[in-house]
N, C-alpha and C. Protein backbone atom coordinates (compact mmCIF):
# COMPACT_ATOMS: atom_id res chain seq x y z
N MET A 1 74.35 111.99 -71.98
CA MET A 1 73.10 112.11 -72.13
C MET A 1 72.58 111.96 -70.89
N ILE A 2 73.00 110.52 -69.89
CA ILE A 2 72.43 109.99 -68.67
C ILE A 2 72.66 111.46 -67.58
N ASN A 3 74.22 111.76 -67.48
CA ASN A 3 74.13 113.02 -66.74
C ASN A 3 73.26 113.79 -66.70
N HIS A 4 72.71 114.23 -67.88
CA HIS A 4 71.68 115.35 -67.81
C HIS A 4 70.37 115.09 -67.19
N PHE A 5 70.12 113.44 -67.20
CA PHE A 5 69.06 113.22 -66.38
C PHE A 5 69.06 112.68 -64.76
N LEU A 6 70.26 112.22 -64.54
CA LEU A 6 70.87 111.67 -63.45
C LEU A 6 72.02 112.45 -63.49
N PRO A 7 72.53 113.41 -62.59
CA PRO A 7 73.61 113.94 -62.89
C PRO A 7 74.50 113.59 -61.89
N PHE A 8 75.55 113.06 -62.46
CA PHE A 8 76.96 112.43 -61.92
C PHE A 8 78.02 113.18 -62.29
N SER A 9 77.71 114.34 -62.41
CA SER A 9 78.97 115.25 -62.79
C SER A 9 80.02 115.34 -61.57
N ARG A 10 81.06 115.76 -61.62
CA ARG A 10 82.12 115.75 -60.75
C ARG A 10 81.98 117.07 -59.71
N ARG A 11 81.12 117.84 -60.25
CA ARG A 11 80.86 118.83 -59.60
C ARG A 11 79.93 119.20 -58.49
N ARG A 12 79.19 117.64 -58.57
CA ARG A 12 78.04 117.48 -57.45
C ARG A 12 78.45 116.79 -56.34
N TYR A 13 79.20 116.02 -56.56
CA TYR A 13 79.75 114.83 -55.53
C TYR A 13 80.96 115.39 -55.09
N ALA A 14 80.85 114.94 -53.73
CA ALA A 14 82.74 115.53 -53.37
C ALA A 14 83.80 114.29 -53.71
N ASN A 15 83.06 112.99 -53.47
CA ASN A 15 83.84 111.76 -53.50
C ASN A 15 83.31 111.24 -54.94
N TYR A 16 83.66 111.84 -56.09
CA TYR A 16 83.08 111.28 -57.24
C TYR A 16 83.52 109.80 -57.69
N ALA A 17 85.04 109.32 -57.19
CA ALA A 17 84.96 107.75 -57.28
C ALA A 17 84.10 107.08 -56.87
N GLN A 18 83.93 107.10 -55.82
CA GLN A 18 83.25 106.64 -54.64
C GLN A 18 81.58 106.09 -55.35
N VAL A 19 80.97 107.41 -56.26
CA VAL A 19 79.93 107.43 -56.91
C VAL A 19 79.76 106.32 -58.14
N LYS A 20 81.31 106.20 -58.50
CA LYS A 20 81.48 105.52 -59.86
C LYS A 20 81.65 103.93 -59.29
N TYR A 21 81.98 103.62 -58.01
CA TYR A 21 82.18 102.65 -57.61
C TYR A 21 80.54 101.60 -57.07
N ILE A 22 79.76 102.69 -56.45
CA ILE A 22 78.32 102.15 -56.07
C ILE A 22 77.61 102.26 -57.43
N THR A 23 77.78 103.07 -58.58
CA THR A 23 77.21 103.22 -59.57
C THR A 23 77.50 101.33 -60.15
N LEU A 24 78.58 101.14 -60.82
CA LEU A 24 79.07 100.00 -60.78
C LEU A 24 78.31 98.76 -60.06
N ALA A 25 78.39 98.90 -58.98
CA ALA A 25 78.06 97.70 -57.95
C ALA A 25 76.40 97.55 -58.24
N ALA A 26 75.92 98.60 -58.78
CA ALA A 26 74.27 98.68 -58.83
C ALA A 26 74.18 97.87 -59.89
N VAL A 27 74.81 98.45 -61.38
CA VAL A 27 74.17 97.88 -62.36
C VAL A 27 75.28 96.32 -62.49
N ALA A 28 75.96 95.98 -61.80
CA ALA A 28 76.52 94.50 -61.69
C ALA A 28 75.15 93.92 -60.90
N GLY A 29 74.95 94.40 -59.89
CA GLY A 29 73.71 93.89 -59.02
C GLY A 29 72.37 93.40 -59.81
N LEU A 30 71.82 94.46 -60.38
CA LEU A 30 70.94 94.29 -61.54
C LEU A 30 71.20 93.22 -63.02
N VAL A 31 72.33 93.12 -63.01
CA VAL A 31 72.62 92.43 -64.30
C VAL A 31 72.19 90.89 -63.37
N GLY A 32 73.20 90.82 -62.49
CA GLY A 32 73.04 89.34 -62.13
C GLY A 32 71.89 89.03 -61.28
N LEU A 33 70.92 89.98 -60.76
CA LEU A 33 69.65 89.70 -60.54
C LEU A 33 68.68 89.05 -61.88
N LEU A 34 68.81 89.79 -62.93
CA LEU A 34 68.08 89.33 -64.48
C LEU A 34 68.97 87.85 -64.77
N LEU A 35 70.23 88.05 -64.31
CA LEU A 35 70.39 86.48 -64.94
C LEU A 35 69.93 85.43 -64.17
N LEU A 36 70.10 86.05 -62.97
CA LEU A 36 69.39 84.85 -62.00
C LEU A 36 68.21 84.67 -62.01
N GLY A 37 66.97 85.51 -62.48
CA GLY A 37 65.66 85.35 -62.77
C GLY A 37 65.80 84.65 -64.08
N GLY A 38 66.31 84.90 -65.07
CA GLY A 38 66.22 84.12 -66.55
C GLY A 38 66.59 82.39 -66.21
N HIS A 39 67.57 82.41 -65.31
CA HIS A 39 68.11 81.25 -64.89
C HIS A 39 66.94 80.03 -64.28
N VAL A 40 66.54 80.88 -63.29
CA VAL A 40 65.10 80.19 -62.50
C VAL A 40 64.24 79.70 -63.48
N ASN A 41 63.76 80.86 -64.34
CA ASN A 41 62.74 80.67 -65.29
C ASN A 41 62.90 79.47 -66.27
N SER A 42 64.38 79.51 -66.73
CA SER A 42 64.34 78.40 -67.73
C SER A 42 64.43 77.11 -67.17
N THR A 43 64.62 77.04 -65.94
CA THR A 43 64.85 75.21 -65.07
C THR A 43 63.30 74.76 -64.80
N LEU A 44 62.65 75.82 -64.64
CA LEU A 44 61.55 75.34 -64.31
C LEU A 44 60.21 75.48 -65.31
N PRO A 45 60.23 74.35 -65.89
CA PRO A 45 58.84 73.98 -67.00
C PRO A 45 57.83 74.53 -66.67
N ARG A 46 57.07 75.43 -67.18
CA ARG A 46 55.45 75.38 -66.71
C ARG A 46 54.46 75.24 -67.86
N VAL A 47 53.44 74.99 -67.14
CA VAL A 47 52.25 74.39 -68.21
C VAL A 47 51.26 75.27 -68.13
N ARG A 48 50.66 75.89 -69.19
CA ARG A 48 49.69 76.79 -69.30
C ARG A 48 48.63 76.20 -70.02
N GLU A 49 47.29 75.99 -69.90
CA GLU A 49 46.14 75.54 -70.32
C GLU A 49 45.66 76.56 -71.04
N LEU A 50 45.00 76.30 -72.50
CA LEU A 50 44.41 77.16 -73.09
C LEU A 50 43.21 76.21 -73.48
N SER A 51 42.12 76.42 -73.73
CA SER A 51 40.86 75.90 -74.35
C SER A 51 40.24 76.53 -75.44
N LEU A 52 40.05 76.17 -76.44
CA LEU A 52 39.50 76.34 -77.50
C LEU A 52 38.43 75.75 -78.05
N SER A 53 37.38 76.54 -78.65
CA SER A 53 36.27 75.76 -78.98
C SER A 53 36.35 75.89 -80.91
N ILE A 54 35.97 75.13 -81.32
CA ILE A 54 35.96 75.12 -82.89
C ILE A 54 34.94 74.14 -83.10
N PRO A 55 33.92 74.87 -83.66
CA PRO A 55 32.58 74.06 -83.87
C PRO A 55 32.77 73.16 -85.08
N LYS A 56 34.04 72.17 -85.39
CA LYS A 56 33.85 71.35 -86.39
C LYS A 56 34.24 70.20 -85.53
N LYS A 57 33.74 69.18 -85.95
CA LYS A 57 34.55 67.92 -85.47
C LYS A 57 35.63 67.22 -86.54
N ALA A 58 36.45 66.75 -86.30
CA ALA A 58 37.45 66.12 -87.32
C ALA A 58 37.88 64.42 -86.87
N SER A 59 37.24 63.90 -87.94
CA SER A 59 37.19 62.54 -87.81
C SER A 59 36.25 62.02 -86.71
N GLY A 60 35.53 62.50 -86.13
CA GLY A 60 34.96 61.99 -85.05
C GLY A 60 35.43 62.45 -83.62
N MET A 61 36.71 62.82 -83.84
CA MET A 61 37.37 63.44 -82.43
C MET A 61 36.26 64.42 -81.79
N LYS A 62 36.17 64.26 -80.59
CA LYS A 62 35.40 65.46 -79.68
C LYS A 62 36.44 66.58 -79.08
N SER A 63 37.91 65.67 -78.79
CA SER A 63 38.88 66.73 -78.22
C SER A 63 40.09 66.65 -79.15
N LEU A 64 41.07 67.43 -79.11
CA LEU A 64 42.51 67.46 -79.19
C LEU A 64 43.16 68.07 -78.45
N ASP A 65 44.40 67.30 -77.79
CA ASP A 65 45.05 67.73 -76.70
C ASP A 65 46.46 68.19 -77.58
N ILE A 66 47.16 69.12 -77.69
CA ILE A 66 48.25 69.44 -78.09
C ILE A 66 49.15 70.45 -77.15
N ALA A 67 50.41 69.53 -76.97
CA ALA A 67 51.47 70.44 -76.43
C ALA A 67 52.11 71.33 -77.25
N LEU A 68 52.36 72.42 -77.09
CA LEU A 68 53.13 73.10 -77.88
C LEU A 68 54.30 73.72 -76.75
N VAL A 69 55.47 73.20 -77.20
CA VAL A 69 56.67 73.04 -76.29
C VAL A 69 57.55 74.19 -76.76
N SER A 70 57.66 75.49 -76.34
CA SER A 70 58.79 76.56 -77.15
C SER A 70 59.84 77.15 -76.27
N ASP A 71 60.79 77.25 -77.07
CA ASP A 71 62.12 77.91 -76.30
C ASP A 71 62.78 76.60 -75.65
N ILE A 72 63.07 75.72 -75.92
CA ILE A 72 63.68 74.46 -75.40
C ILE A 72 65.66 74.94 -75.30
N HIS A 73 65.77 75.19 -76.42
CA HIS A 73 67.11 75.50 -76.66
C HIS A 73 68.10 74.00 -76.42
N MET A 74 67.51 72.87 -77.13
CA MET A 74 68.44 71.84 -76.57
C MET A 74 69.33 71.96 -77.44
N GLY A 75 70.63 71.63 -76.83
CA GLY A 75 71.83 71.69 -77.55
C GLY A 75 73.02 71.55 -76.64
N THR A 76 73.96 72.44 -76.55
CA THR A 76 75.19 72.55 -76.10
C THR A 76 75.07 72.99 -74.61
N ILE A 77 73.94 73.49 -74.49
CA ILE A 77 74.01 73.88 -72.83
C ILE A 77 72.76 73.01 -71.95
N VAL A 78 71.78 72.81 -72.76
CA VAL A 78 70.47 71.84 -71.96
C VAL A 78 71.36 70.60 -71.75
N GLY A 79 71.18 70.32 -70.41
CA GLY A 79 71.58 68.88 -70.03
C GLY A 79 70.47 68.14 -69.62
N ARG A 80 70.77 66.82 -69.27
CA ARG A 80 70.26 65.56 -69.60
C ARG A 80 69.03 65.77 -68.19
N PHE A 81 69.21 66.27 -66.97
CA PHE A 81 68.16 66.50 -66.29
C PHE A 81 67.25 67.47 -66.72
N ARG A 82 67.29 68.84 -67.51
CA ARG A 82 66.42 69.27 -68.20
C ARG A 82 65.38 68.67 -69.08
N ILE A 83 66.22 67.96 -69.71
CA ILE A 83 65.67 67.35 -71.07
C ILE A 83 64.76 66.50 -70.53
N ASP A 84 65.14 65.56 -69.25
CA ASP A 84 64.13 64.71 -68.59
C ASP A 84 62.94 65.38 -68.03
N GLN A 85 62.91 66.57 -67.57
CA GLN A 85 62.12 67.37 -66.86
C GLN A 85 61.05 67.57 -68.18
N ILE A 86 61.37 68.00 -69.17
CA ILE A 86 60.73 68.46 -70.32
C ILE A 86 60.17 67.08 -70.78
N VAL A 87 60.39 66.33 -71.35
CA VAL A 87 59.99 64.92 -71.67
C VAL A 87 58.74 64.52 -70.72
N ASP A 88 59.08 64.22 -69.16
CA ASP A 88 58.01 64.09 -68.58
C ASP A 88 57.24 64.74 -68.32
N LYS A 89 57.43 66.39 -68.33
CA LYS A 89 56.08 67.33 -68.35
C LYS A 89 55.25 66.80 -69.38
N ILE A 90 55.80 66.76 -70.96
CA ILE A 90 54.98 66.42 -72.03
C ILE A 90 54.22 65.23 -71.96
N ASN A 91 55.01 64.25 -71.71
CA ASN A 91 54.36 62.84 -71.32
C ASN A 91 53.13 62.80 -70.31
N SER A 92 53.15 63.62 -69.26
CA SER A 92 52.49 63.71 -68.16
C SER A 92 50.82 64.53 -68.87
N LEU A 93 51.20 65.19 -69.74
CA LEU A 93 50.09 65.81 -70.44
C LEU A 93 49.31 64.87 -71.25
N ASP A 94 49.79 63.63 -71.77
CA ASP A 94 49.48 62.70 -73.16
C ASP A 94 48.84 63.25 -73.85
N PRO A 95 49.60 64.35 -74.60
CA PRO A 95 49.04 65.09 -75.87
C PRO A 95 48.92 64.19 -77.45
N ASP A 96 47.86 64.56 -78.13
CA ASP A 96 47.67 63.91 -79.26
C ASP A 96 48.59 64.37 -80.29
N LEU A 97 49.29 65.99 -80.21
CA LEU A 97 50.25 66.29 -80.84
C LEU A 97 51.17 67.02 -80.32
N VAL A 98 52.56 67.24 -80.65
CA VAL A 98 53.46 67.83 -79.93
C VAL A 98 54.08 68.63 -80.95
N LEU A 99 53.95 70.18 -80.88
CA LEU A 99 54.26 71.47 -81.56
C LEU A 99 55.62 72.05 -80.94
N LEU A 100 56.32 72.09 -81.90
CA LEU A 100 57.78 72.67 -81.71
C LEU A 100 58.06 73.89 -82.23
N PRO A 101 57.40 75.23 -81.95
CA PRO A 101 57.22 76.56 -82.77
C PRO A 101 58.87 77.03 -82.68
N GLY A 102 59.75 76.63 -82.82
CA GLY A 102 60.82 77.32 -82.95
C GLY A 102 61.83 77.53 -81.63
N THR A 103 63.20 77.65 -81.93
CA THR A 103 64.03 77.78 -80.83
C THR A 103 64.08 76.26 -80.01
N SER A 104 63.80 75.27 -80.53
CA SER A 104 63.80 73.95 -79.94
C SER A 104 65.42 73.68 -79.98
N LEU A 105 66.24 73.95 -81.09
CA LEU A 105 67.33 73.20 -81.10
C LEU A 105 68.65 74.69 -80.93
N THR A 106 69.19 74.68 -80.03
CA THR A 106 70.39 75.54 -80.27
C THR A 106 71.27 75.29 -80.87
N ARG A 107 72.13 73.93 -80.69
CA ARG A 107 73.13 73.51 -81.62
C ARG A 107 73.17 72.06 -81.29
N PRO A 108 73.38 70.93 -82.14
CA PRO A 108 73.52 69.86 -81.66
C PRO A 108 74.78 69.57 -81.04
N GLY A 109 74.95 69.74 -80.13
CA GLY A 109 76.44 69.36 -79.49
C GLY A 109 76.96 68.06 -79.42
N PRO A 110 77.98 67.59 -79.52
CA PRO A 110 78.50 66.18 -79.80
C PRO A 110 77.85 65.51 -78.31
N GLY A 111 78.41 65.83 -77.47
CA GLY A 111 77.62 65.27 -76.10
C GLY A 111 76.35 65.55 -75.46
N ARG A 112 75.64 66.13 -76.36
CA ARG A 112 73.82 66.19 -75.88
C ARG A 112 73.03 65.48 -76.90
N GLN A 113 73.75 65.35 -78.23
CA GLN A 113 72.99 64.79 -79.20
C GLN A 113 72.01 63.61 -79.04
N ALA A 114 72.11 62.57 -78.12
CA ALA A 114 71.37 61.70 -77.83
C ALA A 114 70.36 62.17 -76.60
N GLU A 115 70.94 62.97 -76.17
CA GLU A 115 69.96 63.38 -74.92
C GLU A 115 68.90 64.34 -75.55
N SER A 116 69.19 65.33 -76.55
CA SER A 116 68.08 66.10 -77.04
C SER A 116 67.41 65.65 -77.63
N GLY A 117 67.46 64.46 -78.78
CA GLY A 117 66.86 63.86 -79.63
C GLY A 117 65.62 63.29 -78.76
N ARG A 118 65.59 62.68 -77.36
CA ARG A 118 64.79 62.04 -76.68
C ARG A 118 63.56 62.88 -76.56
N VAL A 119 63.67 64.29 -76.63
CA VAL A 119 62.08 64.82 -76.31
C VAL A 119 61.08 64.53 -77.56
N ALA A 120 61.78 64.27 -78.75
CA ALA A 120 60.72 63.66 -79.71
C ALA A 120 60.97 62.12 -79.79
N GLN A 121 61.31 61.77 -79.34
CA GLN A 121 61.40 60.03 -79.29
C GLN A 121 60.81 59.36 -78.28
N GLU A 122 60.64 60.24 -77.32
CA GLU A 122 60.04 59.59 -75.70
C GLU A 122 58.57 60.12 -75.83
N THR A 123 58.33 60.90 -76.55
CA THR A 123 56.99 61.49 -76.40
C THR A 123 56.16 60.59 -77.28
N SER A 124 56.41 59.27 -77.19
CA SER A 124 55.49 58.27 -77.91
C SER A 124 53.83 58.02 -77.82
N ASN A 125 53.72 58.68 -76.88
CA ASN A 125 51.93 58.49 -76.66
C ASN A 125 51.43 59.55 -77.89
N ALA A 126 52.17 60.76 -78.25
CA ALA A 126 51.73 61.57 -79.00
C ALA A 126 51.68 61.00 -80.69
N ALA A 127 50.64 61.28 -81.63
CA ALA A 127 50.67 61.11 -82.73
C ALA A 127 51.50 61.65 -83.78
N GLY A 128 52.23 62.59 -83.07
CA GLY A 128 53.67 63.08 -84.11
C GLY A 128 54.04 64.34 -83.45
N VAL A 129 55.37 64.72 -83.88
CA VAL A 129 55.96 65.87 -83.36
C VAL A 129 56.51 66.70 -84.40
N TYR A 130 55.70 67.94 -84.64
CA TYR A 130 56.21 68.65 -85.71
C TYR A 130 56.81 70.18 -85.12
N ALA A 131 57.66 70.82 -85.82
CA ALA A 131 58.58 71.83 -85.52
C ALA A 131 58.88 72.88 -86.68
N VAL A 132 58.60 73.85 -86.61
CA VAL A 132 59.38 74.75 -87.36
C VAL A 132 60.59 75.49 -86.65
N THR A 133 61.37 76.17 -87.95
CA THR A 133 62.63 76.80 -87.46
C THR A 133 62.50 78.12 -86.75
N GLY A 134 63.38 78.45 -85.68
CA GLY A 134 63.31 79.67 -85.15
C GLY A 134 64.86 80.57 -85.30
N ASN A 135 64.95 81.39 -84.47
CA ASN A 135 66.25 82.24 -84.94
C ASN A 135 67.20 81.45 -84.17
N HIS A 136 67.18 80.52 -83.37
CA HIS A 136 68.60 79.92 -82.65
C HIS A 136 68.82 78.53 -83.60
N GLU A 137 67.94 78.12 -84.60
CA GLU A 137 68.04 77.16 -85.52
C GLU A 137 69.24 77.63 -86.40
N TYR A 138 69.06 78.75 -86.75
CA TYR A 138 69.46 79.72 -87.77
C TYR A 138 70.99 80.19 -87.35
N ILE A 139 71.05 80.33 -86.12
CA ILE A 139 72.34 80.75 -85.42
C ILE A 139 73.45 79.62 -85.14
N GLY A 140 72.92 78.32 -85.03
CA GLY A 140 73.91 77.00 -84.89
C GLY A 140 74.23 76.45 -85.96
N GLY A 141 73.37 76.80 -87.18
CA GLY A 141 73.43 76.04 -88.34
C GLY A 141 72.01 75.29 -88.47
N VAL A 142 71.17 75.92 -89.54
CA VAL A 142 69.71 75.80 -89.74
C VAL A 142 69.88 74.03 -90.27
N GLU A 143 70.69 74.13 -91.25
CA GLU A 143 70.56 72.57 -92.10
C GLU A 143 70.84 71.66 -91.23
N GLU A 144 72.21 71.73 -90.21
CA GLU A 144 72.33 70.89 -89.43
C GLU A 144 71.04 70.57 -88.26
N ALA A 145 70.77 71.76 -87.78
CA ALA A 145 69.64 71.47 -86.92
C ALA A 145 68.27 70.67 -87.36
N CYS A 146 67.90 71.23 -88.54
CA CYS A 146 66.66 70.20 -89.08
C CYS A 146 67.19 68.99 -89.53
N SER A 147 68.22 68.52 -90.01
CA SER A 147 68.71 67.07 -90.29
C SER A 147 68.62 66.55 -88.99
N TYR A 148 69.04 66.76 -88.01
CA TYR A 148 69.22 66.50 -86.48
C TYR A 148 67.79 66.08 -86.16
N LEU A 149 66.84 67.35 -86.27
CA LEU A 149 65.70 66.77 -86.08
C LEU A 149 64.78 65.79 -86.80
N ILE A 150 64.89 66.03 -87.98
CA ILE A 150 64.29 64.87 -88.80
C ILE A 150 65.01 63.51 -88.58
N GLU A 151 66.05 63.25 -88.33
CA GLU A 151 66.60 61.82 -87.64
C GLU A 151 66.00 61.53 -86.36
N HIS A 152 65.33 62.27 -85.60
CA HIS A 152 65.09 61.95 -84.17
C HIS A 152 63.33 62.21 -84.44
N ASN A 153 63.12 62.06 -85.44
CA ASN A 153 61.15 61.70 -85.72
C ASN A 153 60.74 62.67 -85.69
N VAL A 154 61.27 64.03 -86.03
CA VAL A 154 60.48 65.35 -85.81
C VAL A 154 60.29 65.83 -87.28
N THR A 155 59.01 65.83 -87.80
CA THR A 155 58.49 66.43 -89.01
C THR A 155 58.62 68.13 -88.74
N VAL A 156 59.83 68.61 -89.84
CA VAL A 156 60.25 69.93 -89.81
C VAL A 156 59.28 70.62 -91.13
N LEU A 157 58.60 71.53 -90.54
CA LEU A 157 57.96 72.14 -91.39
C LEU A 157 58.35 73.67 -92.10
N ARG A 158 59.20 73.33 -93.33
CA ARG A 158 59.88 74.64 -93.58
C ARG A 158 59.11 75.00 -95.18
N ASP A 159 58.14 75.73 -94.94
CA ASP A 159 57.23 76.10 -96.21
C ASP A 159 57.23 75.20 -96.61
N LEU A 160 56.06 74.33 -95.70
CA LEU A 160 55.68 72.99 -96.08
C LEU A 160 53.95 72.84 -95.14
N SER A 161 53.24 71.99 -95.83
CA SER A 161 52.27 71.69 -95.18
C SER A 161 51.84 70.22 -95.01
N VAL A 162 51.65 69.41 -94.28
CA VAL A 162 51.43 68.29 -94.28
C VAL A 162 50.17 67.82 -93.35
N ARG A 163 49.76 66.57 -93.90
CA ARG A 163 48.52 65.80 -92.99
C ARG A 163 49.32 65.36 -91.92
N SER A 164 48.76 65.84 -90.66
CA SER A 164 49.23 65.09 -89.41
C SER A 164 49.04 63.47 -89.42
N ALA A 165 49.33 62.59 -88.33
CA ALA A 165 49.01 61.42 -88.24
C ALA A 165 47.70 60.90 -87.77
N ILE A 166 47.12 62.44 -87.24
CA ILE A 166 45.61 62.26 -87.24
C ILE A 166 44.94 63.08 -88.12
N ARG A 167 44.51 62.08 -89.48
CA ARG A 167 44.34 62.26 -90.60
C ARG A 167 43.59 63.81 -91.34
N SER A 168 42.83 64.37 -90.49
CA SER A 168 41.94 65.27 -90.72
C SER A 168 42.80 66.69 -90.14
N ILE A 169 44.01 66.52 -89.64
CA ILE A 169 44.68 67.79 -89.21
C ILE A 169 45.41 67.89 -90.45
N LEU A 170 45.84 69.34 -90.63
CA LEU A 170 46.76 69.71 -91.65
C LEU A 170 47.28 70.93 -90.86
N LEU A 171 48.90 70.38 -90.95
CA LEU A 171 49.48 71.59 -90.39
C LEU A 171 50.43 72.23 -91.18
N ALA A 172 50.84 73.40 -91.15
CA ALA A 172 51.80 74.20 -92.07
C ALA A 172 52.69 75.12 -91.36
N GLY A 173 54.10 75.54 -92.04
CA GLY A 173 55.10 75.88 -91.45
C GLY A 173 55.83 76.77 -92.28
N ARG A 174 56.58 77.88 -91.57
CA ARG A 174 57.27 78.62 -92.64
C ARG A 174 58.55 78.75 -92.39
N THR A 175 59.48 79.04 -93.15
CA THR A 175 61.15 78.93 -92.94
C THR A 175 60.91 80.22 -92.34
N GLY A 176 62.03 80.40 -91.31
CA GLY A 176 62.24 81.95 -91.00
C GLY A 176 62.82 81.55 -89.75
N PRO A 177 63.40 82.62 -89.22
CA PRO A 177 63.26 83.32 -87.91
C PRO A 177 62.51 84.64 -87.92
């Protein structure tokens, strides 16, 4: 089918073998660039600020700062340096709550367990760390991932609603990817 739109047939090219190698090199180069871009994107945590006005006051609070930290992929791949970056970034924001909306934990590997648990334990300024499960928690074993997060002071919301440490804030989470 591709040959219909980009004709690579042997009749059109005198050196068909060379065309195959050029095509292979182009595809490999494109895949390499995509992987490099993904790697750079994953190693440089970014902060995006979003301000919402809600015409209600909660327990006399004038503002509520929430850090929503997604797609951390803590586990066998993410090492101490990246965990330190994430913890430092969260702490620099001084949030009232930390929310982990899925794919926080890929798999708690034996060499990384203490490191990945630090994201929850070292964000001590926050009134709580709350998580929901994402697809990677299910890939690596959802029960193990949830147990691990709970052991590290993360409240996992699986078809559950709770009052946060800030009493007037109700949080709810669904099970799933």
